[in-house]
Amino acid sequence: MRDAFLEQLIRLGDPALAADAVGLPLMQLFRQRDADPRFAAGWQAALGYAWERLESRVLAELLARADAPAETGIVRKASGALTGLLDSRLAMAIIDRREKPVTRQHGRPVESASVARLRAELRDLAGEAARRTRAKAA
């Protein structure tokens, strides 16, 4: 059941929702996490993957906005879903809430370079989207 919980935690990013999805009490999972370093490490890794998924979605949204027709800022995907509706300031606030990359033993950063590149690209895209919005308003 722990593996199922960790899979749901990756998918949902919220321990309470993940616990509900697998039918386990959240407090029981917290106690297991506190008692088992391997489970705690898996939990942290799952949250890291959830953040990566979020960052990827934000990046995809900003890229879709950058490619959208300037007059609307909205694109309808083949699935019917609308893109281009995410406020770039909100996107950056979400990304900035992420904790700094966790370091392993010996102080080596865990993919900190790729995280930094992704954040820089998101900031650039957010700035571009803001410039387009200002240009449309003018």
Protein backbone atom coordinates (compact mmCIF):
# COMPACT_ATOMS: atom_id res chain seq x y z
CA MET A 1 0.00 0.00 0.00
CA ARG A 2 2.93 2.35 0.57
CA ASP A 3 3.91 2.18 -3.10
CA ALA A 4 0.33 2.92 -4.11
CA PHE A 5 0.32 5.91 -1.75
CA LEU A 6 3.59 7.21 -3.19
CA GLU A 7 2.25 6.84 -6.74
CA GLN A 8 -0.83 8.83 -5.77
CA LEU A 9 1.35 11.41 -4.04
CA ILE A 10 3.29 11.89 -7.28
CA ARG A 11 0.02 12.24 -9.20
CA LEU A 12 -1.86 14.44 -6.73
CA GLY A 13 0.90 16.25 -4.83
CA ASP A 14 -1.17 16.30 -1.63
CA PRO A 15 -0.60 13.69 1.10
CA ALA A 16 -4.21 13.92 2.33
CA LEU A 17 -5.64 13.32 -1.15
CA ALA A 18 -3.15 10.54 -1.82
CA ALA A 19 -4.06 8.84 1.47
CA ASP A 20 -7.76 9.07 0.64
CA ALA A 21 -7.12 7.66 -2.84
CA VAL A 22 -5.57 4.50 -1.39
CA GLY A 23 -7.90 4.29 1.62
CA LEU A 24 -5.30 4.80 4.34
CA PRO A 25 -5.48 7.20 7.29
CA LEU A 26 -3.12 10.12 6.79
CA MET A 27 -1.94 10.07 10.41
CA GLN A 28 -0.94 6.42 10.06
CA LEU A 29 1.14 7.34 7.03
CA PHE A 30 2.76 10.22 8.91
CA ARG A 31 3.71 7.84 11.72
CA GLN A 32 5.15 5.34 9.23
CA ARG A 33 7.09 8.11 7.53
CA ASP A 34 8.54 9.24 10.86
CA ALA A 35 9.51 5.67 11.78
CA ASP A 36 10.94 4.51 8.44
CA PRO A 37 13.73 6.52 6.78
CA ARG A 38 13.27 4.67 3.45
CA PHE A 39 9.58 5.53 3.37
CA ALA A 40 10.42 9.13 4.31
CA ALA A 41 12.89 9.29 1.42
CA GLY A 42 10.27 7.88 -0.95
CA TRP A 43 7.77 10.46 0.30
CA GLN A 44 10.24 13.31 -0.37
CA ALA A 45 11.04 11.90 -3.80
CA ALA A 46 7.32 11.66 -4.62
CA LEU A 47 6.80 15.29 -3.64
CA GLY A 48 9.77 16.23 -5.82
CA TYR A 49 8.21 14.44 -8.78
CA ALA A 50 4.88 16.15 -8.09
CA TRP A 51 6.64 19.54 -8.18
CA GLU A 52 8.33 18.59 -11.45
CA ARG A 53 4.92 17.73 -12.90
CA LEU A 54 3.57 21.10 -11.75
CA GLU A 55 6.52 22.98 -13.20
CA SER A 56 6.13 21.10 -16.48
CA ARG A 57 2.44 22.01 -16.65
CA VAL A 58 3.16 25.66 -15.91
CA LEU A 59 5.88 25.69 -18.56
CA ALA A 60 3.55 24.06 -21.10
CA GLU A 61 0.86 26.62 -20.28
CA LEU A 62 3.23 29.55 -20.71
CA LEU A 63 4.57 28.10 -23.96
CA ALA A 64 1.03 27.68 -25.27
CA ARG A 65 0.32 31.29 -24.33
CA ALA A 66 3.46 32.49 -26.09
CA ASP A 67 2.34 30.68 -29.26
CA ALA A 68 -1.30 31.82 -29.00
CA PRO A 69 -2.74 34.43 -31.33
CA ALA A 70 -1.93 37.81 -29.80
CA GLU A 71 -5.50 39.09 -30.12
CA THR A 72 -6.99 36.41 -27.87
CA GLY A 73 -4.27 34.88 -25.75
CA ILE A 74 -6.42 31.75 -25.68
CA VAL A 75 -5.97 28.52 -27.62
CA ARG A 76 -8.38 25.61 -27.77
CA LYS A 77 -6.56 22.28 -27.83
CA ALA A 78 -7.80 19.32 -29.85
CA SER A 79 -9.17 17.92 -26.58
CA GLY A 80 -11.32 21.04 -26.19
CA ALA A 81 -9.37 22.31 -23.19
CA LEU A 82 -8.50 25.98 -23.15
CA THR A 83 -4.93 27.10 -22.64
CA GLY A 84 -3.49 30.54 -22.14
CA LEU A 85 -5.64 31.27 -19.10
CA LEU A 86 -2.95 30.92 -16.43
CA ASP A 87 -1.83 34.23 -14.99
CA SER A 88 1.95 34.39 -15.36
CA ARG A 89 2.36 36.07 -11.96
CA LEU A 90 0.40 33.25 -10.36
CA ALA A 91 2.56 30.73 -12.20
CA MET A 92 5.74 32.31 -10.88
CA ALA A 93 4.31 32.52 -7.36
CA ILE A 94 3.60 28.78 -7.52
CA ILE A 95 7.11 28.00 -8.73
CA ASP A 96 8.71 30.28 -6.13
CA ARG A 97 6.92 28.40 -3.34
CA ARG A 98 8.94 25.31 -4.09
CA GLU A 99 11.68 24.65 -1.61
CA LYS A 100 15.24 24.86 -2.81
CA PRO A 101 16.65 21.60 -4.22
CA VAL A 102 17.43 18.99 -1.61
CA THR A 103 21.08 18.09 -1.34
CA ARG A 104 22.51 14.63 -0.91
CA GLN A 105 25.42 13.59 1.23
CA HIS A 106 28.64 15.36 0.38
CA GLY A 107 26.68 18.50 -0.57
CA ARG A 108 26.05 17.65 -4.22
CA PRO A 109 22.87 19.36 -5.43
CA VAL A 110 20.14 17.15 -6.82
CA GLU A 111 19.55 18.45 -10.34
CA SER A 112 19.85 22.03 -9.16
CA ALA A 113 21.17 23.12 -12.55
CA SER A 114 18.12 21.81 -14.40
CA VAL A 115 15.80 23.33 -11.81
CA ALA A 116 17.57 26.68 -12.17
CA ARG A 117 17.32 26.50 -15.99
CA LEU A 118 13.62 25.67 -15.81
CA ARG A 119 12.94 28.55 -13.42
CA ALA A 120 14.88 30.99 -15.61
CA GLU A 121 12.94 29.86 -18.68
CA LEU A 122 9.65 30.24 -16.81
CA ARG A 123 10.61 33.76 -15.72
CA ASP A 124 11.52 34.67 -19.31
CA LEU A 125 8.23 33.30 -20.59
CA ALA A 126 6.29 35.08 -17.87
CA GLY A 127 7.99 38.34 -18.83
CA GLU A 128 7.19 37.77 -22.49
CA ALA A 129 3.55 37.04 -21.67
CA ALA A 130 3.36 40.18 -19.52
CA ARG A 131 4.85 42.28 -22.36
CA ARG A 132 2.28 40.88 -24.81
CA THR A 133 -0.53 41.63 -22.39
CA ARG A 134 0.68 45.22 -21.95
CA ALA A 135 1.07 45.61 -25.72
CA LYS A 136 -2.50 44.37 -26.30
CA ALA A 137 -3.82 46.79 -23.70
CA ALA A 138 -2.03 49.75 -25.28
